[in-house]
C-alpha cells in the first residue's frame, strides 16, 4: 500500500470510462491490470432525532476488510461486520447502497483505479478515480508527486473534485497517522468525498 488520492471525475455524458481507458493505454502507455470495485453503504441511526446520526461503510473488491465511519471515528473490521449490522436493524437502518465497478491500471509507480456506479440515476455526478503512488507511505513526500501526476492524467476539459484534509477534518482527528499512510486513510477519503458531494 502506497499513498492515495481519491477523486470524483466529473462526467455528465457517461463517456468518461472509454476516454479514460484510451488516454491511459494509448497516450500515457499504461496497461490494464485487473478488475476493481467498491461498495459504499449509508446507514441511519434509528434512535436519533433531528438530523440523525449516520454511518458509512466501504468494502473493496479482493479484500477481506470493511471500514465503518461514525462520528469521525473510522474502524477497520472483518467482512463478518456486515452480518452483525444486518442483525442490528433495530439500531441502524440501511438507507442506500451503491456499487462502483471498473478496472485498475498501472503506469510506472502509479496504480490508477477507476469505476462507474453500476446503476445510474438522476444523482449521477461522475466516476471515481483512485490514484496510488506505490513508492512511499509518507503522505508529505507523495503529495506533490500525486498532484503532478493527476494534472498529467486528466485532460484539460475534465473537472475533478477531491476532498482535502483541513483543521476540522484531518487524519489525526480520527486517530490516523499524519506520517504513515494506510488503507484506512484511503477509505476516509472516500467517505468524506461521498459526504461532500452527496453521492449517496
Protein backbone atom coordinates (compact mmCIF):
# COMPACT_ATOMS: atom_id res chain seq x y z
CA UNK A 1 0.00 0.00 0.00
CA UNK A 2 1.31 3.40 -1.00
CA UNK A 3 -0.29 6.85 -0.70
CA UNK A 4 -3.57 7.54 -2.47
CA UNK A 5 -5.61 10.45 -3.72
CA UNK A 6 -9.35 9.88 -4.28
CA UNK A 7 -11.18 11.93 -6.90
CA UNK A 8 -14.61 12.43 -8.38
CA UNK A 9 -14.02 12.69 -12.13
CA UNK A 10 -16.91 14.82 -13.48
CA UNK A 11 -18.53 13.05 -16.41
CA UNK A 12 -22.03 14.21 -17.29
CA UNK A 13 -22.40 12.25 -20.55
CA UNK A 14 -21.22 8.83 -19.31
CA UNK A 15 -18.38 8.57 -21.85
CA UNK A 16 -15.59 9.08 -19.33
CA UNK A 17 -14.57 5.44 -18.85
CA UNK A 18 -13.92 4.86 -22.54
CA UNK A 19 -11.95 8.12 -22.86
CA UNK A 20 -10.06 7.36 -19.65
CA UNK A 21 -9.08 3.88 -20.89
CA UNK A 22 -7.89 5.30 -24.20
CA UNK A 23 -5.91 8.10 -22.53
CA UNK A 24 -4.14 5.73 -20.13
CA UNK A 25 -3.36 2.92 -22.58
CA UNK A 26 -2.65 4.96 -25.72
CA UNK A 27 -1.47 8.42 -24.69
CA UNK A 28 0.26 7.54 -21.40
CA UNK A 29 1.28 3.98 -22.37
CA UNK A 30 -0.19 2.40 -19.26
CA UNK A 31 -1.73 -1.05 -19.09
CA UNK A 32 -4.88 -2.56 -17.61
CA UNK A 33 -4.05 -4.67 -14.55
CA UNK A 34 -7.24 -6.18 -13.10
CA UNK A 35 -10.85 -5.65 -12.04
CA UNK A 36 -11.67 -3.19 -9.27
CA UNK A 37 -14.86 -2.37 -7.39
CA UNK A 38 -16.05 -0.55 -4.29
CA UNK A 39 -19.32 -0.85 -2.40
CA UNK A 40 -20.46 2.02 -0.16
CA UNK A 41 -23.42 1.81 2.23
CA UNK A 42 -25.15 4.51 4.22
CA UNK A 43 -26.91 3.64 7.49
CA UNK A 44 -29.05 5.90 9.67
CA UNK A 45 -29.30 5.65 13.44
CA UNK A 46 -32.97 4.83 14.12
CA UNK A 47 -32.99 6.18 17.68
CA UNK A 48 -31.52 9.64 17.00
CA UNK A 49 -33.79 12.62 16.40
CA UNK A 50 -33.40 15.68 14.20
CA UNK A 51 -30.74 15.31 11.53
CA UNK A 52 -29.77 11.93 12.93
CA UNK A 53 -26.52 10.04 13.11
CA UNK A 54 -25.12 8.33 10.02
CA UNK A 55 -22.67 5.51 9.43
CA UNK A 56 -20.81 4.90 6.18
CA UNK A 57 -19.24 1.56 5.31
CA UNK A 58 -16.88 0.79 2.43
CA UNK A 59 -15.85 -2.58 1.06
CA UNK A 60 -13.39 -3.21 -1.76
CA UNK A 61 -13.09 -5.96 -4.33
CA UNK A 62 -10.44 -8.58 -3.42
CA UNK A 63 -10.10 -7.52 0.22
CA UNK A 64 -11.47 -9.14 3.36
CA UNK A 65 -11.89 -5.89 5.27
CA UNK A 66 -14.75 -3.47 5.76
CA UNK A 67 -14.37 0.10 7.04
CA UNK A 68 -17.01 1.94 9.09
CA UNK A 69 -17.16 5.68 9.77
CA UNK A 70 -19.39 7.02 12.57
CA UNK A 71 -18.98 10.50 14.07
CA UNK A 72 -15.49 10.92 12.59
CA UNK A 73 -14.27 7.62 14.04
CA UNK A 74 -13.11 5.06 11.48
CA UNK A 75 -12.95 1.36 12.31
CA UNK A 76 -11.42 -1.49 10.30
CA UNK A 77 -13.23 -4.82 10.66
CA UNK A 78 -13.54 -8.23 9.05
CA UNK A 79 -16.28 -8.73 6.46
CA UNK A 80 -18.35 -10.51 9.10
CA UNK A 81 -19.19 -6.99 10.31
CA UNK A 82 -21.82 -6.94 7.53
CA UNK A 83 -23.63 -9.83 9.24
CA UNK A 84 -23.53 -8.02 12.57
CA UNK A 85 -25.01 -4.86 11.02
CA UNK A 86 -27.78 -6.97 9.48
CA UNK A 87 -28.70 -8.14 12.98
CA UNK A 88 -28.73 -4.59 14.36
CA UNK A 89 -31.73 -3.44 12.29
CA UNK A 90 -33.35 -2.04 15.43
CA UNK A 91 -30.37 0.34 15.77
CA UNK A 92 -29.16 1.03 12.22
CA UNK A 93 -31.35 1.30 9.14
CA UNK A 94 -29.70 0.72 5.75
CA UNK A 95 -30.63 3.78 3.68
CA UNK A 96 -28.71 3.25 0.48
CA UNK A 97 -26.12 1.03 -1.21
CA UNK A 98 -24.06 1.95 -4.24
CA UNK A 99 -21.55 -0.24 -6.07
CA UNK A 100 -18.87 1.20 -8.35
CA UNK A 101 -17.34 -1.22 -10.84
CA UNK A 102 -14.26 -0.76 -13.02
CA UNK A 103 -10.59 -1.50 -13.58
CA UNK A 104 -7.10 -0.95 -12.24
CA UNK A 105 -4.36 0.43 -14.50
CA UNK A 106 -0.63 0.68 -13.95
CA UNK A 107 1.79 3.36 -15.12
CA UNK A 108 5.26 3.04 -13.59
CA UNK A 109 4.98 3.56 -9.81
CA UNK A 110 1.30 4.51 -10.03
CA UNK A 111 -1.85 2.40 -9.77
CA UNK A 112 -4.98 4.07 -11.14
CA UNK A 113 -8.35 2.63 -10.15
CA UNK A 114 -11.40 3.89 -11.99
CA UNK A 115 -15.05 2.88 -11.60
CA UNK A 116 -18.60 3.83 -12.56
CA UNK A 117 -21.73 3.23 -10.48
CA UNK A 118 -23.40 0.01 -11.61
CA UNK A 119 -26.76 1.75 -11.62
CA UNK A 120 -27.02 5.40 -12.59
CA UNK A 121 -29.77 7.78 -11.59
CA UNK A 122 -30.53 11.49 -11.65
CA UNK A 123 -27.92 11.95 -8.91
CA UNK A 124 -25.11 10.68 -11.18
CA UNK A 125 -22.12 13.02 -10.98
CA UNK A 126 -19.20 11.12 -12.48
CA UNK A 127 -16.77 8.28 -11.95
CA UNK A 128 -14.49 7.54 -9.02
CA UNK A 129 -10.74 7.62 -9.58
CA UNK A 130 -8.19 6.49 -7.01
CA UNK A 131 -4.55 7.24 -7.78
CA UNK A 132 -1.95 5.40 -5.70
CA UNK A 133 1.75 6.26 -5.64
CA UNK A 134 3.32 2.97 -4.56
CA UNK A 135 6.90 4.10 -3.80
CA UNK A 136 6.27 5.57 -0.33
CA UNK A 137 3.82 5.51 2.57
CA UNK A 138 4.77 9.07 3.61
CA UNK A 139 1.95 11.43 2.53
CA UNK A 140 4.19 14.51 2.75
CA UNK A 141 6.61 13.01 0.22
CA UNK A 142 3.84 11.69 -2.03
CA UNK A 143 1.54 14.77 -2.11
CA UNK A 144 3.41 16.86 -4.71
CA UNK A 145 4.15 13.77 -6.84
CA UNK A 146 0.48 12.75 -6.81
CA UNK A 147 -0.64 16.29 -7.65
CA UNK A 148 1.70 16.46 -10.64
CA UNK A 149 0.66 13.02 -11.88
CA UNK A 150 -3.07 13.80 -11.57
CA UNK A 151 -2.59 17.01 -13.56
CA UNK A 152 -0.88 14.97 -16.29
CA UNK A 153 -3.57 12.29 -16.12
CA UNK A 154 -6.63 14.47 -16.60
CA UNK A 155 -7.49 16.11 -19.91
CA UNK A 156 -7.86 19.93 -19.73
CA UNK A 157 -11.64 19.81 -20.24
CA UNK A 158 -12.25 17.49 -17.26
CA UNK A 159 -13.20 18.83 -13.83
CA UNK A 160 -12.25 16.85 -10.75
CA UNK A 161 -13.33 17.11 -7.13
CA UNK A 162 -11.07 16.00 -4.31
CA UNK A 163 -11.52 16.02 -0.56
CA UNK A 164 -8.57 17.63 1.24
CA UNK A 165 -7.84 17.38 4.98
CA UNK A 166 -8.34 20.64 6.89
CA UNK A 167 -8.39 21.86 10.51
CA UNK A 168 -11.86 20.45 11.12
CA UNK A 169 -11.42 17.13 9.31
CA UNK A 170 -7.90 15.73 9.38
CA UNK A 171 -6.45 12.24 9.55
CA UNK A 172 -5.10 12.81 13.06
CA UNK A 173 -8.53 13.86 14.37
CA UNK A 174 -9.88 10.37 13.66
CA UNK A 175 -6.82 8.64 15.09
CA UNK A 176 -4.88 8.06 11.86
CA UNK A 177 -1.20 8.88 11.40
CA UNK A 178 -0.21 12.03 9.52
CA UNK A 179 3.11 10.42 8.54
CA UNK A 180 2.35 6.81 7.51
CA UNK A 181 -0.46 6.07 5.06
CA UNK A 182 -2.75 3.03 5.39
CA UNK A 183 -5.86 1.62 3.69
CA UNK A 184 -7.94 3.38 6.36
CA UNK A 185 -6.67 6.76 5.08
CA UNK A 186 -7.96 5.87 1.62
CA UNK A 187 -11.34 4.79 3.00
CA UNK A 188 -11.68 8.03 4.95
CA UNK A 189 -11.10 9.97 1.72
CA UNK A 190 -13.89 8.01 0.01
CA UNK A 191 -16.31 8.59 2.86
CA UNK A 192 -15.57 12.31 3.05
CA UNK A 193 -15.88 12.67 -0.74
CA UNK A 194 -19.25 10.87 -0.64
CA UNK A 195 -20.44 13.20 2.13
CA UNK A 196 -19.09 16.34 0.46
CA UNK A 197 -20.60 15.58 -2.96
CA UNK A 198 -23.81 13.90 -1.74
CA UNK A 199 -23.03 10.75 -3.73
CA UNK A 200 -25.36 8.73 -1.50
